[in-house]
Amino acid sequence: MELPIFPLELVLVPGEPLPLHIFEQRYLDMIAWCEEHDEPFVLVYADDDGMRDIGCTAEITEVLEQFPDGRSNIVTIGGIVVHIDRVHDEYSYRSAIVDPVIDAPADAPLEAQEAAIAIYTRLANELDGAAPEAPEPGTGLSYALLARVDIGHNIKQSLLEDRDEAHRLEVVTGLLTEIHRGLVLTRETQERARRNGRVRTPEELAHELGLDD
């Protein structure tokens, strides 16, 4: 299928909501085409190294605001992962022939899914209700978790390109574990400093709090 492509220095994954401010005329044209044909566009990560060939379709779910000069604020949500094949420049915006990509395996073992959800829940509890609720087990759990945390673009893109859901979930679980560990150590260090207690090294504190595993 041929779809418009939107190169940005960010990464979208399936199921992730993403608000966008559209102001360049070529992308206003792109959004108009998507709305007229009820089709998504493809958001693809692009930086100084160029545009990647794996991206994610973005469905327009809501137009929040339309300004008199044509600019708009929209909300999109990640759809499916696609491979960008042939890029065309016949419109004001670029389009490309894209093909959906398939995961193998499509699901991680249930035990791995439960472990990932458990560490996300512990992380969310550290944020005092500021984080979205934990997702349910199922296909694409790694993406559902990625959509709930803020990680570096390069890591996120590498996971978008990974076609093994079991491996992807293993990596995401490790990332969540490290984020949780950092939050707990920071909180505990600050609390002990306020109490004028001995502030241990991060390694000592992690061992004391059982965060070594």
Protein backbone atom coordinates (compact mmCIF):
# COMPACT_ATOMS: atom_id res chain seq x y z
CA MET A 1 0.00 0.00 0.00
CA GLU A 2 1.09 3.59 -0.60
CA LEU A 3 0.85 6.00 2.31
CA PRO A 4 2.18 9.46 3.18
CA ILE A 5 5.30 9.44 5.33
CA PHE A 6 6.12 11.92 8.08
CA PRO A 7 9.82 11.89 9.07
CA LEU A 8 10.35 13.16 12.62
CA GLU A 9 13.04 12.85 15.26
CA LEU A 10 10.85 10.65 17.41
CA VAL A 11 9.57 7.09 17.40
CA LEU A 12 5.96 5.91 17.53
CA VAL A 13 4.97 2.36 18.52
CA PRO A 14 1.66 0.52 18.08
CA GLY A 15 -0.99 1.67 20.54
CA GLU A 16 0.90 4.80 21.59
CA PRO A 17 -1.04 8.09 21.61
CA LEU A 18 0.85 11.02 20.09
CA PRO A 19 -0.33 14.66 19.89
CA LEU A 20 1.13 16.64 16.99
CA HIS A 21 1.17 20.28 15.98
CA ILE A 22 0.96 20.48 12.19
CA PHE A 23 2.19 23.75 10.69
CA GLU A 24 4.22 23.12 7.51
CA GLN A 25 2.10 23.37 4.38
CA ARG A 26 3.27 20.02 2.99
CA TYR A 27 2.14 18.26 6.16
CA LEU A 28 -1.12 20.20 6.23
CA ASP A 29 -1.63 18.77 2.73
CA MET A 30 -0.74 15.33 4.06
CA ILE A 31 -3.26 15.51 6.90
CA ALA A 32 -5.94 16.75 4.51
CA TRP A 33 -5.29 13.74 2.25
CA CYS A 34 -5.45 11.33 5.20
CA GLU A 35 -8.74 12.79 6.38
CA GLU A 36 -10.25 12.76 2.89
CA HIS A 37 -9.28 9.13 2.23
CA ASP A 38 -9.65 7.91 5.85
CA GLU A 39 -6.09 6.58 5.77
CA PRO A 40 -3.17 6.80 8.22
CA PHE A 41 0.24 8.24 7.53
CA VAL A 42 3.54 6.61 8.47
CA LEU A 43 5.64 8.25 11.16
CA VAL A 44 9.28 7.31 10.66
CA TYR A 45 12.32 8.21 12.75
CA ALA A 46 14.77 10.54 11.00
CA ASP A 47 17.89 12.25 12.35
CA ASP A 48 21.32 13.34 11.10
CA ASP A 49 21.97 9.75 10.00
CA GLY A 50 18.94 9.82 7.71
CA MET A 51 15.49 8.27 7.63
CA ARG A 52 15.00 4.71 8.84
CA ASP A 53 13.15 2.13 6.78
CA ILE A 54 10.96 0.84 9.62
CA GLY A 55 8.16 3.07 10.89
CA CYS A 56 4.69 2.92 12.40
CA THR A 57 1.38 3.98 10.92
CA ALA A 58 -0.35 6.83 12.75
CA GLU A 59 -4.14 6.96 12.80
CA ILE A 60 -5.66 10.42 13.26
CA THR A 61 -8.10 10.04 16.15
CA GLU A 62 -8.99 13.66 16.84
CA VAL A 63 -8.46 17.18 15.52
CA LEU A 64 -8.16 19.22 18.70
CA GLU A 65 -7.87 22.65 17.17
CA GLN A 66 -7.89 24.20 13.71
CA PHE A 67 -6.31 27.64 13.42
CA PRO A 68 -7.35 30.33 10.89
CA ASP A 69 -3.95 30.14 9.16
CA GLY A 70 -4.37 26.39 8.54
CA ARG A 71 -2.26 25.04 11.40
CA SER A 72 -3.82 22.32 13.49
CA ASN A 73 -3.34 20.31 16.67
CA ILE A 74 -4.20 16.65 16.23
CA VAL A 75 -4.03 13.44 18.23
CA THR A 76 -2.82 10.24 16.61
CA ILE A 77 -2.35 6.68 17.79
CA GLY A 78 0.21 4.14 16.62
CA GLY A 79 -1.19 1.46 14.33
CA ILE A 80 1.03 -1.20 12.77
CA VAL A 81 4.76 -1.51 12.11
CA VAL A 82 5.66 -1.21 8.43
CA HIS A 83 8.72 -1.47 6.21
CA ILE A 84 9.23 1.50 3.90
CA ASP A 85 10.09 0.30 0.43
CA ARG A 86 9.94 2.85 -2.41
CA VAL A 87 9.72 6.57 -1.56
CA HIS A 88 7.89 8.89 -3.96
CA ASP A 89 8.08 12.69 -4.26
CA GLU A 90 5.14 13.40 -6.54
CA TYR A 91 3.20 15.31 -3.87
CA SER A 92 4.18 18.26 -1.68
CA TYR A 93 4.85 15.63 1.00
CA ARG A 94 6.63 12.32 0.49
CA SER A 95 4.79 9.04 0.20
CA ALA A 96 6.02 5.47 0.04
CA ILE A 97 5.07 1.92 -0.72
CA VAL A 98 4.97 0.23 2.68
CA ASP A 99 4.51 -3.36 3.78
CA PRO A 100 3.35 -4.58 7.21
CA VAL A 101 5.97 -6.57 9.11
CA ILE A 102 5.23 -9.68 11.13
CA ASP A 103 6.55 -10.70 14.55
CA ALA A 104 7.87 -14.21 15.13
CA PRO A 105 7.02 -15.18 17.77
CA ALA A 106 4.00 -12.90 18.09
CA ASP A 107 3.67 -13.49 21.84
CA ALA A 108 6.13 -13.79 24.70
CA PRO A 109 5.74 -16.60 27.27
CA LEU A 110 3.10 -15.81 29.88
CA GLU A 111 5.67 -15.89 32.69
CA ALA A 112 7.70 -13.19 30.91
CA GLN A 113 4.58 -11.12 30.36
CA GLU A 114 3.62 -11.32 34.04
CA ALA A 115 7.15 -10.32 35.10
CA ALA A 116 7.09 -7.31 32.77
CA ILE A 117 3.70 -6.15 34.05
CA ALA A 118 4.85 -6.62 37.65
CA ILE A 119 7.92 -4.39 37.26
CA TYR A 120 5.87 -1.78 35.41
CA THR A 121 3.35 -1.80 38.28
CA ARG A 122 6.13 -1.27 40.82
CA LEU A 123 7.47 1.58 38.70
CA ALA A 124 4.02 3.17 38.40
CA ASN A 125 3.58 2.98 42.17
CA GLU A 126 6.80 4.97 42.61
CA LEU A 127 5.22 7.75 40.53
CA ASP A 128 2.26 8.21 42.90
CA GLY A 129 -0.45 7.56 40.34
CA ALA A 130 1.06 9.74 37.61
CA ALA A 131 1.66 6.77 35.29
CA PRO A 132 -0.98 5.06 33.13
CA GLU A 133 -2.44 1.81 34.41
CA ALA A 134 -0.59 -1.38 33.59
CA PRO A 135 -1.63 -3.09 30.34
CA GLU A 136 -3.14 -6.54 30.18
CA PRO A 137 -1.11 -9.55 28.98
CA GLY A 138 -1.39 -10.28 25.29
CA THR A 139 0.05 -9.78 21.84
CA GLY A 140 2.28 -6.73 21.56
CA LEU A 141 2.72 -6.25 25.32
CA SER A 142 6.22 -4.86 24.77
CA TYR A 143 4.79 -2.03 22.69
CA ALA A 144 2.02 -1.37 25.23
CA LEU A 145 4.70 -0.92 27.90
CA LEU A 146 6.93 1.20 25.65
CA ALA A 147 3.98 3.50 25.02
CA ARG A 148 3.82 4.19 28.77
CA VAL A 149 7.46 5.16 29.43
CA ASP A 150 9.90 7.71 28.05
CA ILE A 151 13.09 6.17 26.68
CA GLY A 152 15.73 7.28 24.17
CA HIS A 153 14.76 7.40 20.52
CA ASN A 154 17.54 5.08 19.35
CA ILE A 155 16.61 2.38 21.85
CA LYS A 156 12.94 2.73 20.99
CA GLN A 157 13.68 2.52 17.26
CA SER A 158 15.79 -0.61 17.75
CA LEU A 159 12.86 -2.21 19.56
CA LEU A 160 10.48 -1.14 16.78
CA GLU A 161 12.76 -2.94 14.33
CA ASP A 162 12.99 -6.10 16.49
CA ARG A 163 10.67 -8.77 15.13
CA ASP A 164 10.91 -11.11 18.13
CA GLU A 165 8.30 -10.17 20.74
CA ALA A 166 9.87 -12.41 23.38
CA HIS A 167 13.25 -10.68 23.00
CA ARG A 168 11.62 -7.25 22.79
CA LEU A 169 9.76 -7.84 26.03
CA GLU A 170 12.95 -9.06 27.71
CA VAL A 171 14.70 -5.80 26.76
CA VAL A 172 11.74 -3.68 27.88
CA THR A 173 11.60 -5.52 31.22
CA GLY A 174 15.29 -4.76 31.74
CA LEU A 175 14.76 -1.08 30.94
CA LEU A 176 11.82 -0.84 33.34
CA THR A 177 13.86 -2.56 36.04
CA GLU A 178 16.68 -0.02 35.65
CA ILE A 179 14.27 2.93 35.71
CA HIS A 180 12.55 1.56 38.83
CA ARG A 181 15.91 0.93 40.51
CA GLY A 182 17.00 4.50 39.82
CA LEU A 183 13.80 6.00 41.20
CA VAL A 184 13.94 3.93 44.38
CA LEU A 185 17.59 4.75 45.02
CA THR A 186 17.02 8.46 44.43
CA ARG A 187 14.01 8.55 46.75
CA GLU A 188 15.74 6.60 49.49
CA THR A 189 18.91 8.71 49.26
CA GLN A 190 16.90 11.94 49.54
CA GLU A 191 14.92 10.65 52.51
CA ARG A 192 18.04 9.56 54.39
CA ALA A 193 19.75 12.88 53.65
CA ARG A 194 16.75 14.76 55.09
CA ARG A 195 16.97 12.63 58.24
CA ASN A 196 20.69 13.40 58.47
CA GLY A 197 21.39 9.70 58.18
CA ARG A 198 24.39 8.09 56.55
CA VAL A 199 23.98 8.20 52.78
CA ARG A 200 25.33 4.96 51.38
CA THR A 201 26.80 4.45 47.94
CA PRO A 202 24.26 3.42 45.26
CA GLU A 203 25.69 -0.11 45.30
CA GLU A 204 25.38 -0.42 49.08
CA LEU A 205 21.89 1.01 49.07
CA ALA A 206 20.73 -1.23 46.21
CA HIS A 207 22.00 -4.29 48.11
CA GLU A 208 20.28 -3.16 51.31
CA LEU A 209 16.97 -2.60 49.51
CA GLY A 210 17.12 -5.87 47.61
CA LEU A 211 17.53 -4.23 44.20
CA ASP A 212 20.52 -6.27 43.10
CA ASP A 213 18.54 -8.87 41.16
